Amino acid sequence: MSALALRGGAPVRTRPFASWPVHDTREETSLLEVLHSGHWNRWEGERVQDFESRFAAYLEISHALAVSSGTAALECAVHAAGVGPGDEVILPAYGYTMPACAVLRVGGVPVFADVDAETFN
């Protein structure tokens, strides 16, 4: 096996990553159209519903839901799984807090399971 780059081996990537976010005039034009329309949310405009429909068609699924964050997506997933008040959901004790928050937001009860100290599984 070759040496890691930090130990003198050849780096896997030799060019810098592109700056983020990656965009061009299409995104700028769309953003300005929404800004000037005054319809910035899903119930006043059609952009969100159009995106959801097109994204669902692309994935060949019945429905797609655009949300504001990964945290909101977790909450939607927990709710869609049928978790409700008093339902216990087993979560790893070592991890990010938002899965437990998503369970709490729908009224569930997070139950933390032990994890292996060496693998964190």
C-alpha atoms as a PDB file:
ATOM      1  CA  MET A   1       0.000   0.000   0.000  1.00  0.00           C
ATOM      2  CA  SER A   2       1.308   3.452  -0.832  1.00  0.00           C
ATOM      3  CA  ALA A   3       1.958   6.024   1.862  1.00  0.00           C
ATOM      4  CA  LEU A   4      -0.737   8.500   2.823  1.00  0.00           C
ATOM      5  CA  ALA A   5      -0.240  12.015   1.480  1.00  0.00           C
ATOM      6  CA  LEU A   6       0.289  13.361   4.990  1.00  0.00           C
ATOM      7  CA  ARG A   7       3.187  10.910   5.272  1.00  0.00           C
ATOM      8  CA  GLY A   8       4.826  11.834   1.972  1.00  0.00           C
ATOM      9  CA  GLY A   9       2.653   9.844  -0.433  1.00  0.00           C
ATOM     10  CA  ALA A  10       0.989  11.264  -3.549  1.00  0.00           C
ATOM     11  CA  PRO A  11      -2.214  13.187  -2.808  1.00  0.00           C
ATOM     12  CA  VAL A  12      -5.404  11.860  -4.375  1.00  0.00           C
ATOM     13  CA  ARG A  13      -6.522  15.364  -5.388  1.00  0.00           C
ATOM     14  CA  THR A  14      -4.057  17.779  -6.921  1.00  0.00           C
ATOM     15  CA  ARG A  15      -6.452  20.632  -7.822  1.00  0.00           C
ATOM     16  CA  PRO A  16      -8.417  22.722  -5.347  1.00  0.00           C
ATOM     17  CA  PHE A  17     -12.151  22.169  -5.042  1.00  0.00           C
ATOM     18  CA  ALA A  18     -14.466  24.670  -6.743  1.00  0.00           C
ATOM     19  CA  SER A  19     -15.688  27.519  -4.573  1.00  0.00           C
ATOM     20  CA  TRP A  20     -19.104  27.021  -3.038  1.00  0.00           C
ATOM     21  CA  PRO A  21     -21.869  27.496  -3.794  1.00  0.00           C
ATOM     22  CA  VAL A  22     -21.541  26.533  -7.446  1.00  0.00           C
ATOM     23  CA  HIS A  23     -23.885  28.664  -9.532  1.00  0.00           C
ATOM     24  CA  ASP A  24     -24.187  30.546 -12.783  1.00  0.00           C
ATOM     25  CA  THR A  25     -26.544  33.096 -14.325  1.00  0.00           C
ATOM     26  CA  ARG A  26     -29.458  30.612 -14.324  1.00  0.00           C
ATOM     27  CA  GLU A  27     -29.575  30.538 -10.549  1.00  0.00           C
ATOM     28  CA  GLU A  28     -29.081  34.287 -10.336  1.00  0.00           C
ATOM     29  CA  THR A  29     -31.947  34.899 -12.786  1.00  0.00           C
ATOM     30  CA  SER A  30     -34.263  32.521 -10.903  1.00  0.00           C
ATOM     31  CA  LEU A  31     -33.376  34.055  -7.556  1.00  0.00           C
ATOM     32  CA  LEU A  32     -34.080  37.564  -8.821  1.00  0.00           C
ATOM     33  CA  GLU A  33     -37.394  36.453 -10.355  1.00  0.00           C
ATOM     34  CA  VAL A  34     -38.533  35.108  -6.985  1.00  0.00           C
ATOM     35  CA  LEU A  35     -37.184  38.130  -5.122  1.00  0.00           C
ATOM     36  CA  HIS A  36     -39.021  40.579  -7.375  1.00  0.00           C
ATOM     37  CA  SER A  37     -42.240  38.516  -7.421  1.00  0.00           C
ATOM     38  CA  GLY A  38     -42.806  39.023  -3.700  1.00  0.00           C
ATOM     39  CA  HIS A  39     -43.893  35.361  -3.424  1.00  0.00           C
ATOM     40  CA  TRP A  40     -41.203  33.884  -1.215  1.00  0.00           C
ATOM     41  CA  ASN A  41     -42.990  30.917   0.303  1.00  0.00           C
ATOM     42  CA  ARG A  42     -44.739  27.753  -0.839  1.00  0.00           C
ATOM     43  CA  TRP A  43     -48.305  28.980  -0.352  1.00  0.00           C
ATOM     44  CA  GLU A  44     -47.959  32.198  -2.355  1.00  0.00           C
ATOM     45  CA  GLY A  45     -45.951  30.983  -5.312  1.00  0.00           C
ATOM     46  CA  GLU A  46     -45.622  27.938  -7.533  1.00  0.00           C
ATOM     47  CA  ARG A  47     -41.847  27.388  -7.555  1.00  0.00           C
ATOM     48  CA  VAL A  48     -41.734  24.965  -4.632  1.00  0.00           C
ATOM     49  CA  GLN A  49     -44.593  22.808  -5.879  1.00  0.00           C
ATOM     50  CA  ASP A  50     -43.084  22.814  -9.369  1.00  0.00           C
ATOM     51  CA  PHE A  51     -39.716  21.714  -7.984  1.00  0.00           C
ATOM     52  CA  GLU A  52     -41.328  18.955  -5.905  1.00  0.00           C
ATOM     53  CA  SER A  53     -43.283  17.623  -8.884  1.00  0.00           C
ATOM     54  CA  ARG A  54     -40.287  17.668 -11.193  1.00  0.00           C
ATOM     55  CA  PHE A  55     -37.989  16.124  -8.575  1.00  0.00           C
ATOM     56  CA  ALA A  56     -40.497  13.333  -7.875  1.00  0.00           C
ATOM     57  CA  ALA A  57     -40.795  12.645 -11.615  1.00  0.00           C
ATOM     58  CA  TYR A  58     -36.999  12.556 -11.932  1.00  0.00           C
ATOM     59  CA  LEU A  59     -36.799  10.006  -9.100  1.00  0.00           C
ATOM     60  CA  GLU A  60     -39.807   8.103 -10.503  1.00  0.00           C
ATOM     61  CA  ILE A  61     -41.691   8.367  -7.214  1.00  0.00           C
ATOM     62  CA  SER A  62     -45.176   9.613  -6.340  1.00  0.00           C
ATOM     63  CA  HIS A  63     -44.294  12.520  -4.067  1.00  0.00           C
ATOM     64  CA  ALA A  64     -41.392  14.718  -2.992  1.00  0.00           C
ATOM     65  CA  LEU A  65     -41.339  17.351  -0.268  1.00  0.00           C
ATOM     66  CA  ALA A  66     -38.971  20.302  -0.208  1.00  0.00           C
ATOM     67  CA  VAL A  67     -38.042  21.344   3.324  1.00  0.00           C
ATOM     68  CA  SER A  68     -35.882  24.062   4.825  1.00  0.00           C
ATOM     69  CA  SER A  69     -33.197  21.910   6.438  1.00  0.00           C
ATOM     70  CA  GLY A  70     -31.922  18.451   7.237  1.00  0.00           C
ATOM     71  CA  THR A  71     -33.487  18.802  10.677  1.00  0.00           C
ATOM     72  CA  ALA A  72     -36.898  19.443   9.111  1.00  0.00           C
ATOM     73  CA  ALA A  73     -36.345  16.451   6.802  1.00  0.00           C
ATOM     74  CA  LEU A  74     -35.640  14.205   9.812  1.00  0.00           C
ATOM     75  CA  GLU A  75     -38.826  15.368  11.499  1.00  0.00           C
ATOM     76  CA  CYS A  76     -40.846  14.665   8.342  1.00  0.00           C
ATOM     77  CA  ALA A  77     -39.274  11.204   8.045  1.00  0.00           C
ATOM     78  CA  VAL A  78     -40.047  10.326  11.677  1.00  0.00           C
ATOM     79  CA  HIS A  79     -43.623  11.512  11.245  1.00  0.00           C
ATOM     80  CA  ALA A  80     -43.985   9.619   7.950  1.00  0.00           C
ATOM     81  CA  ALA A  81     -42.742   6.471   9.710  1.00  0.00           C
ATOM     82  CA  GLY A  82     -45.781   6.769  11.966  1.00  0.00           C
ATOM     83  CA  VAL A  83     -44.024   7.818  15.164  1.00  0.00           C
ATOM     84  CA  GLY A  84     -46.409   9.636  17.456  1.00  0.00           C
ATOM     85  CA  PRO A  85     -46.942  10.609  21.085  1.00  0.00           C
ATOM     86  CA  GLY A  86     -45.461   8.061  23.468  1.00  0.00           C
ATOM     87  CA  ASP A  87     -43.818   5.904  20.786  1.00  0.00           C
ATOM     88  CA  GLU A  88     -40.293   4.859  21.670  1.00  0.00           C
ATOM     89  CA  VAL A  89     -37.573   5.215  19.038  1.00  0.00           C
ATOM     90  CA  ILE A  90     -34.198   3.548  19.555  1.00  0.00           C
ATOM     91  CA  LEU A  91     -31.254   5.804  18.708  1.00  0.00           C
ATOM     92  CA  PRO A  92     -27.497   5.450  19.140  1.00  0.00           C
ATOM     93  CA  ALA A  93     -26.223   7.091  22.303  1.00  0.00           C
ATOM     94  CA  TYR A  94     -23.265   8.543  20.452  1.00  0.00           C
ATOM     95  CA  GLY A  95     -24.265  10.801  17.574  1.00  0.00           C
ATOM     96  CA  TYR A  96     -25.811  14.049  16.476  1.00  0.00           C
ATOM     97  CA  THR A  97     -28.667  15.476  18.572  1.00  0.00           C
ATOM     98  CA  MET A  98     -31.140  16.225  15.769  1.00  0.00           C
ATOM     99  CA  PRO A  99     -32.511  12.688  15.312  1.00  0.00           C
ATOM    100  CA  ALA A 100     -33.541  12.721  18.978  1.00  0.00           C
ATOM    101  CA  CYS A 101     -35.003  16.223  18.543  1.00  0.00           C
ATOM    102  CA  ALA A 102     -37.033  15.033  15.544  1.00  0.00           C
ATOM    103  CA  VAL A 103     -38.483  12.198  17.643  1.00  0.00           C
ATOM    104  CA  LEU A 104     -39.350  14.638  20.448  1.00  0.00           C
ATOM    105  CA  ARG A 105     -40.978  17.097  18.013  1.00  0.00           C
ATOM    106  CA  VAL A 106     -43.568  14.482  16.986  1.00  0.00           C
ATOM    107  CA  GLY A 107     -44.171  13.438  20.591  1.00  0.00           C
ATOM    108  CA  GLY A 108     -42.037  10.315  20.558  1.00  0.00           C
ATOM    109  CA  VAL A 109     -39.626   9.186  23.225  1.00  0.00           C
ATOM    110  CA  PRO A 110     -35.961   8.745  22.251  1.00  0.00           C
ATOM    111  CA  VAL A 111     -34.426   5.621  23.792  1.00  0.00           C
ATOM    112  CA  PHE A 112     -30.659   5.578  23.627  1.00  0.00           C
ATOM    113  CA  ALA A 113     -28.845   2.330  22.928  1.00  0.00           C
ATOM    114  CA  ASP A 114     -25.263   1.579  23.852  1.00  0.00           C
ATOM    115  CA  VAL A 115     -22.682   1.718  21.100  1.00  0.00           C
ATOM    116  CA  ASP A 116     -19.491  -0.254  20.685  1.00  0.00           C
ATOM    117  CA  ALA A 117     -16.637   1.843  22.098  1.00  0.00           C
ATOM    118  CA  GLU A 118     -14.272   0.803  19.318  1.00  0.00           C
ATOM    119  CA  THR A 119     -16.507   1.084  16.240  1.00  0.00           C
ATOM    120  CA  PHE A 120     -19.276   3.388  17.512  1.00  0.00           C
ATOM    121  CA  ASN A 121     -21.803   0.983  15.945  1.00  0.00           C
END
